[in-house]
Amino acid sequence: MKKILLSISLLFLLSSCVNGLNKNQERKLSAVKYDHPELYQKEKNEGVGAALGLLPGGGSFYTRNYAVGAVNLLLWPLSILWDPFNGINGSKEINYYSTLQNVKRKKNKELDRLKMQYAKGKISDKNFTIKKMEIESEYDLDKNL
């Protein structure tokens, strides 16, 4: 009986491995979401991730954690104790990294446009430097933390 309980405890710890975001990442994502909603990318819905976590491995599969999903599938119905949290945390993590990619993509697009204007001689060295600093400041997610 002890071995069974130990095995279940170990599987529980191993299968609930999506940690979610740290405090800094949470603040960054929240700041973008509310201060710059045009930059926020919501690729996965946390509510859907939680709801699917009630199905065998659903929350983990939804958030692309296929190995964890397979383990949770085998441990169902016990996995409904932790897999909804995997769905929520995994959704937050996917949205965080999607948002970072979107911010980087938009920043690079604006910088490329600015460099093109500079290369064509449409702006001076001074204006180039000023506008470059403005763009970098606009897309700096750490400046308000």
Protein backbone atom coordinates (compact mmCIF):
# COMPACT_ATOMS: atom_id res chain seq x y z
CA MET A 1 0.00 0.00 0.00
CA LYS A 2 2.90 2.34 0.83
CA LYS A 3 4.43 1.74 -2.60
CA ILE A 4 1.15 2.56 -4.32
CA LEU A 5 0.76 5.82 -2.40
CA LEU A 6 4.38 6.74 -3.07
CA SER A 7 3.95 5.96 -6.77
CA ILE A 8 0.79 8.07 -7.01
CA SER A 9 2.47 10.93 -5.16
CA LEU A 10 5.47 10.78 -7.46
CA LEU A 11 3.30 10.69 -10.58
CA PHE A 12 1.28 13.62 -9.24
CA LEU A 13 4.42 15.69 -8.79
CA LEU A 14 5.82 14.76 -12.18
CA SER A 15 2.62 15.28 -14.12
CA SER A 16 1.90 18.73 -12.75
CA CYS A 17 5.03 20.23 -14.24
CA VAL A 18 3.71 23.37 -15.95
CA ASN A 19 4.78 26.05 -13.49
CA GLY A 20 3.26 29.06 -15.20
CA LEU A 21 4.83 32.50 -15.15
CA ASN A 22 7.04 34.07 -12.51
CA LYS A 23 6.06 37.41 -10.95
CA ASN A 24 8.13 39.47 -13.38
CA GLN A 25 6.60 37.72 -16.38
CA GLU A 26 3.10 38.15 -14.90
CA ARG A 27 3.70 41.92 -14.49
CA LYS A 28 5.06 42.23 -18.01
CA LEU A 29 2.14 40.39 -19.55
CA SER A 30 -0.37 42.33 -17.48
CA ALA A 31 1.23 45.67 -18.42
CA VAL A 32 1.11 44.84 -22.12
CA LYS A 33 -2.42 43.47 -21.88
CA TYR A 34 -3.85 46.60 -20.26
CA ASP A 35 -1.49 49.39 -21.37
CA HIS A 36 -0.86 48.20 -24.95
CA PRO A 37 -3.70 45.84 -25.92
CA GLU A 38 -2.66 46.04 -29.59
CA LEU A 39 0.56 44.20 -28.67
CA TYR A 40 -1.07 41.52 -26.50
CA GLN A 41 -1.42 38.11 -28.17
CA LYS A 42 -4.03 35.75 -26.76
CA GLU A 43 -3.24 32.50 -28.48
CA LYS A 44 -4.75 30.26 -25.79
CA ASN A 45 -7.72 30.84 -23.49
CA GLU A 46 -7.08 30.08 -19.81
CA GLY A 47 -10.71 29.13 -19.18
CA VAL A 48 -10.68 26.65 -22.04
CA GLY A 49 -7.41 25.20 -20.72
CA ALA A 50 -8.96 24.73 -17.27
CA ALA A 51 -12.15 23.21 -18.65
CA LEU A 52 -10.25 20.81 -20.88
CA GLY A 53 -8.16 19.83 -17.86
CA LEU A 54 -11.23 18.00 -16.57
CA LEU A 55 -10.98 15.63 -19.52
CA PRO A 56 -8.28 12.97 -19.61
CA GLY A 57 -5.08 14.96 -20.27
CA GLY A 58 -7.04 17.72 -22.02
CA GLY A 59 -5.47 20.74 -20.32
CA SER A 60 -1.97 19.51 -21.06
CA PHE A 61 -2.74 18.55 -24.64
CA TYR A 62 -4.37 21.97 -25.19
CA THR A 63 -1.19 23.71 -24.09
CA ARG A 64 1.10 21.50 -26.19
CA ASN A 65 2.48 19.50 -23.26
CA TYR A 66 1.89 16.19 -24.98
CA ALA A 67 4.06 13.98 -22.75
CA VAL A 68 2.41 15.36 -19.62
CA GLY A 69 -0.97 14.95 -21.32
CA ALA A 70 -0.24 11.28 -21.98
CA VAL A 71 0.66 10.74 -18.32
CA ASN A 72 -2.47 12.61 -17.22
CA LEU A 73 -4.52 10.52 -19.61
CA LEU A 74 -3.25 7.39 -17.87
CA LEU A 75 -3.89 8.87 -14.42
CA TRP A 76 -7.42 10.03 -15.15
CA PRO A 77 -9.63 10.58 -13.08
CA LEU A 78 -6.95 11.55 -10.53
CA SER A 79 -5.44 13.99 -13.01
CA ILE A 80 -8.49 16.26 -12.77
CA LEU A 81 -6.95 17.46 -9.50
CA TRP A 82 -4.02 19.12 -11.29
CA ASP A 83 -4.55 19.14 -15.05
CA PRO A 84 -6.91 22.17 -15.03
CA PHE A 85 -4.02 24.12 -13.47
CA ASN A 86 -1.73 22.82 -16.22
CA GLY A 87 -4.25 24.17 -18.73
CA ILE A 88 -4.36 27.59 -17.06
CA ASN A 89 -0.61 27.92 -16.54
CA GLY A 90 0.25 26.57 -19.96
CA SER A 91 -2.17 29.03 -21.60
CA LYS A 92 -0.59 31.93 -19.73
CA GLU A 93 2.88 30.79 -20.76
CA ILE A 94 1.92 30.44 -24.43
CA ASN A 95 0.27 33.88 -24.39
CA TYR A 96 3.33 35.40 -22.73
CA TYR A 97 5.77 34.11 -25.33
CA SER A 98 3.39 34.94 -28.20
CA THR A 99 3.12 38.49 -26.88
CA LEU A 100 6.92 38.81 -26.61
CA GLN A 101 7.26 37.64 -30.20
CA ASN A 102 4.62 40.13 -31.34
CA VAL A 103 6.36 43.00 -29.53
CA LYS A 104 9.71 42.03 -31.05
CA ARG A 105 8.20 41.70 -34.54
CA LYS A 106 6.52 45.13 -34.39
CA LYS A 107 9.61 46.79 -32.94
CA ASN A 108 11.83 45.32 -35.67
CA LYS A 109 9.35 46.38 -38.35
CA GLU A 110 9.42 49.99 -37.13
CA LEU A 111 13.22 49.96 -36.82
CA ASP A 112 13.56 48.57 -40.34
CA ARG A 113 11.28 51.29 -41.68
CA LEU A 114 13.37 53.91 -39.86
CA LYS A 115 16.63 52.44 -41.20
CA MET A 116 15.22 52.53 -44.71
CA GLN A 117 14.36 56.23 -44.35
CA TYR A 118 17.85 56.89 -43.05
CA ALA A 119 19.50 54.92 -45.86
CA LYS A 120 17.52 56.92 -48.43
CA GLY A 121 18.69 60.16 -46.81
CA LYS A 122 15.20 61.23 -45.76
CA ILE A 123 16.21 61.83 -42.12
CA SER A 124 19.34 63.21 -40.50
CA ASP A 125 21.71 61.40 -38.15
CA LYS A 126 20.26 63.27 -35.19
CA ASN A 127 16.63 62.48 -36.10
CA PHE A 128 17.53 58.85 -36.76
CA THR A 129 19.07 58.52 -33.31
CA ILE A 130 16.14 60.26 -31.61
CA LYS A 131 13.50 58.19 -33.42
CA LYS A 132 15.43 54.98 -32.79
CA MET A 133 15.54 55.72 -29.07
CA GLU A 134 11.79 56.50 -29.10
CA ILE A 135 10.99 53.18 -30.79
CA GLU A 136 13.20 51.23 -28.39
CA SER A 137 11.60 52.98 -25.43
CA GLU A 138 8.07 52.36 -26.74
CA TYR A 139 8.65 48.62 -26.98
CA ASP A 140 10.69 48.24 -23.77
CA LEU A 141 8.52 46.01 -21.58
CA ASP A 142 10.84 46.38 -18.59
CA LYS A 143 10.68 50.17 -18.30
CA ASN A 144 7.55 50.25 -16.11
CA LEU A 145 8.44 47.36 -13.80
